Amino acid sequence: MTGLADSENLPQFSHRLRLALRGHNRLEVCAAIGKSRRAMTGWLNGSNQPLAGTLAALCEVLNVSPSWLLGFTTMRRPLRRGVTSG
């Protein structure tokens, strides 16, 4: 089963997920988002993508934007919310 993006973005997603995972323990990331190592392996080998809720949790744990992870933008970090000057 594929997730949010079409199959053309699977290689981009897999590559960017590998980049985002650098410095993170994959098993700890899986535990944090409530998914199995097998699910992570599927995302990394390009056979599927996470569904929307899992993608959001993954991006939060890895501190990357969903648009970047899916290959739609070059902005890696999510925009800060609720930041005010003063």
C-alpha atoms as a PDB file:
ATOM      1  CA  MET A   1       0.000   0.000   0.000  1.00  0.00           C
ATOM      2  CA  THR A   2       1.344   3.425  -0.851  1.00  0.00           C
ATOM      3  CA  GLY A   3       0.884   6.528   1.229  1.00  0.00           C
ATOM      4  CA  LEU A   4       0.561  10.168   0.342  1.00  0.00           C
ATOM      5  CA  ALA A   5       2.572  10.626  -2.811  1.00  0.00           C
ATOM      6  CA  ASP A   6       2.446   8.784  -6.091  1.00  0.00           C
ATOM      7  CA  SER A   7       4.909   6.045  -6.989  1.00  0.00           C
ATOM      8  CA  GLU A   8       7.169   8.491  -8.855  1.00  0.00           C
ATOM      9  CA  ASN A   9       8.120  10.057  -5.507  1.00  0.00           C
ATOM     10  CA  LEU A  10       9.006   6.785  -3.769  1.00  0.00           C
ATOM     11  CA  PRO A  11      12.730   6.917  -4.662  1.00  0.00           C
ATOM     12  CA  GLN A  12      12.908  10.552  -3.521  1.00  0.00           C
ATOM     13  CA  PHE A  13      11.088   9.721  -0.274  1.00  0.00           C
ATOM     14  CA  SER A  14      13.383   6.772   0.476  1.00  0.00           C
ATOM     15  CA  HIS A  15      16.491   8.848  -0.160  1.00  0.00           C
ATOM     16  CA  ARG A  16      15.316  11.735   1.979  1.00  0.00           C
ATOM     17  CA  LEU A  17      14.228   9.426   4.765  1.00  0.00           C
ATOM     18  CA  ARG A  18      17.739   7.977   4.833  1.00  0.00           C
ATOM     19  CA  LEU A  19      19.154  11.504   5.081  1.00  0.00           C
ATOM     20  CA  ALA A  20      16.731  12.456   7.861  1.00  0.00           C
ATOM     21  CA  LEU A  21      17.560   9.307   9.828  1.00  0.00           C
ATOM     22  CA  ARG A  22      21.270  10.128  10.033  1.00  0.00           C
ATOM     23  CA  GLY A  23      22.179  10.438  13.682  1.00  0.00           C
ATOM     24  CA  HIS A  24      18.977   8.699  14.803  1.00  0.00           C
ATOM     25  CA  ASN A  25      18.523   5.149  16.001  1.00  0.00           C
ATOM     26  CA  ARG A  26      15.991   3.582  13.617  1.00  0.00           C
ATOM     27  CA  LEU A  27      14.484   1.332  16.272  1.00  0.00           C
ATOM     28  CA  GLU A  28      13.967   4.314  18.566  1.00  0.00           C
ATOM     29  CA  VAL A  29      12.305   6.257  15.754  1.00  0.00           C
ATOM     30  CA  CYS A  30      10.008   3.284  15.074  1.00  0.00           C
ATOM     31  CA  ALA A  31       9.094   3.102  18.749  1.00  0.00           C
ATOM     32  CA  ALA A  32       8.435   6.848  18.901  1.00  0.00           C
ATOM     33  CA  ILE A  33       5.991   6.707  15.983  1.00  0.00           C
ATOM     34  CA  GLY A  34       4.465   3.351  16.916  1.00  0.00           C
ATOM     35  CA  LYS A  35       5.548   1.474  13.796  1.00  0.00           C
ATOM     36  CA  SER A  36       7.525  -1.704  13.252  1.00  0.00           C
ATOM     37  CA  ARG A  37      11.033  -2.126  11.927  1.00  0.00           C
ATOM     38  CA  ARG A  38       9.441  -3.914   8.974  1.00  0.00           C
ATOM     39  CA  ALA A  39       7.413  -0.792   8.129  1.00  0.00           C
ATOM     40  CA  MET A  40      10.580   1.323   8.258  1.00  0.00           C
ATOM     41  CA  THR A  41      12.352  -1.169   6.000  1.00  0.00           C
ATOM     42  CA  GLY A  42       9.535  -0.855   3.454  1.00  0.00           C
ATOM     43  CA  TRP A  43       9.863   2.913   3.443  1.00  0.00           C
ATOM     44  CA  LEU A  44      13.640   2.722   3.094  1.00  0.00           C
ATOM     45  CA  ASN A  45      13.625   0.201   0.254  1.00  0.00           C
ATOM     46  CA  GLY A  46      10.982   2.169  -1.633  1.00  0.00           C
ATOM     47  CA  SER A  47       8.196  -0.397  -1.550  1.00  0.00           C
ATOM     48  CA  ASN A  48       5.768   1.901   0.259  1.00  0.00           C
ATOM     49  CA  GLN A  49       5.249   5.139   2.193  1.00  0.00           C
ATOM     50  CA  PRO A  50       3.662   5.902   5.534  1.00  0.00           C
ATOM     51  CA  LEU A  51       0.089   7.125   5.747  1.00  0.00           C
ATOM     52  CA  ALA A  52      -0.592  10.777   6.641  1.00  0.00           C
ATOM     53  CA  GLY A  53      -0.707  10.399  10.423  1.00  0.00           C
ATOM     54  CA  THR A  54       2.460   8.329  10.495  1.00  0.00           C
ATOM     55  CA  LEU A  55       4.189  10.758   8.146  1.00  0.00           C
ATOM     56  CA  ALA A  56       3.333  13.637  10.485  1.00  0.00           C
ATOM     57  CA  ALA A  57       4.712  11.749  13.498  1.00  0.00           C
ATOM     58  CA  LEU A  58       7.841  10.769  11.564  1.00  0.00           C
ATOM     59  CA  CYS A  59       8.469  14.365  10.526  1.00  0.00           C
ATOM     60  CA  GLU A  60       8.014  15.584  14.087  1.00  0.00           C
ATOM     61  CA  VAL A  61      10.486  13.039  15.468  1.00  0.00           C
ATOM     62  CA  LEU A  62      13.034  13.750  12.708  1.00  0.00           C
ATOM     63  CA  ASN A  63      12.392  17.525  12.692  1.00  0.00           C
ATOM     64  CA  VAL A  64      11.817  17.739   8.946  1.00  0.00           C
ATOM     65  CA  SER A  65       8.901  19.059   6.921  1.00  0.00           C
ATOM     66  CA  PRO A  66       6.515  16.623   5.252  1.00  0.00           C
ATOM     67  CA  SER A  67       6.936  18.513   1.971  1.00  0.00           C
ATOM     68  CA  TRP A  68      10.688  18.008   2.102  1.00  0.00           C
ATOM     69  CA  LEU A  69      10.440  14.346   3.039  1.00  0.00           C
ATOM     70  CA  LEU A  70       8.038  13.699   0.157  1.00  0.00           C
ATOM     71  CA  GLY A  71      10.272  15.555  -2.304  1.00  0.00           C
ATOM     72  CA  PHE A  72       8.057  18.580  -2.949  1.00  0.00           C
ATOM     73  CA  THR A  73      10.431  21.240  -1.601  1.00  0.00           C
ATOM     74  CA  THR A  74      14.056  21.823  -0.742  1.00  0.00           C
ATOM     75  CA  MET A  75      13.187  23.348   2.677  1.00  0.00           C
ATOM     76  CA  ARG A  76      14.163  20.587   5.067  1.00  0.00           C
ATOM     77  CA  ARG A  77      13.047  22.033   8.400  1.00  0.00           C
ATOM     78  CA  PRO A  78       9.427  22.753   9.254  1.00  0.00           C
ATOM     79  CA  LEU A  79       8.427  26.352   9.824  1.00  0.00           C
ATOM     80  CA  ARG A  80       8.318  27.389  13.454  1.00  0.00           C
ATOM     81  CA  ARG A  81       4.843  28.030  14.726  1.00  0.00           C
ATOM     82  CA  GLY A  82       3.867  30.441  17.443  1.00  0.00           C
ATOM     83  CA  VAL A  83       7.125  32.371  17.341  1.00  0.00           C
ATOM     84  CA  THR A  84       6.593  36.066  17.961  1.00  0.00           C
ATOM     85  CA  SER A  85       9.047  38.872  18.163  1.00  0.00           C
ATOM     86  CA  GLY A  86       9.208  41.173  21.106  1.00  0.00           C
END
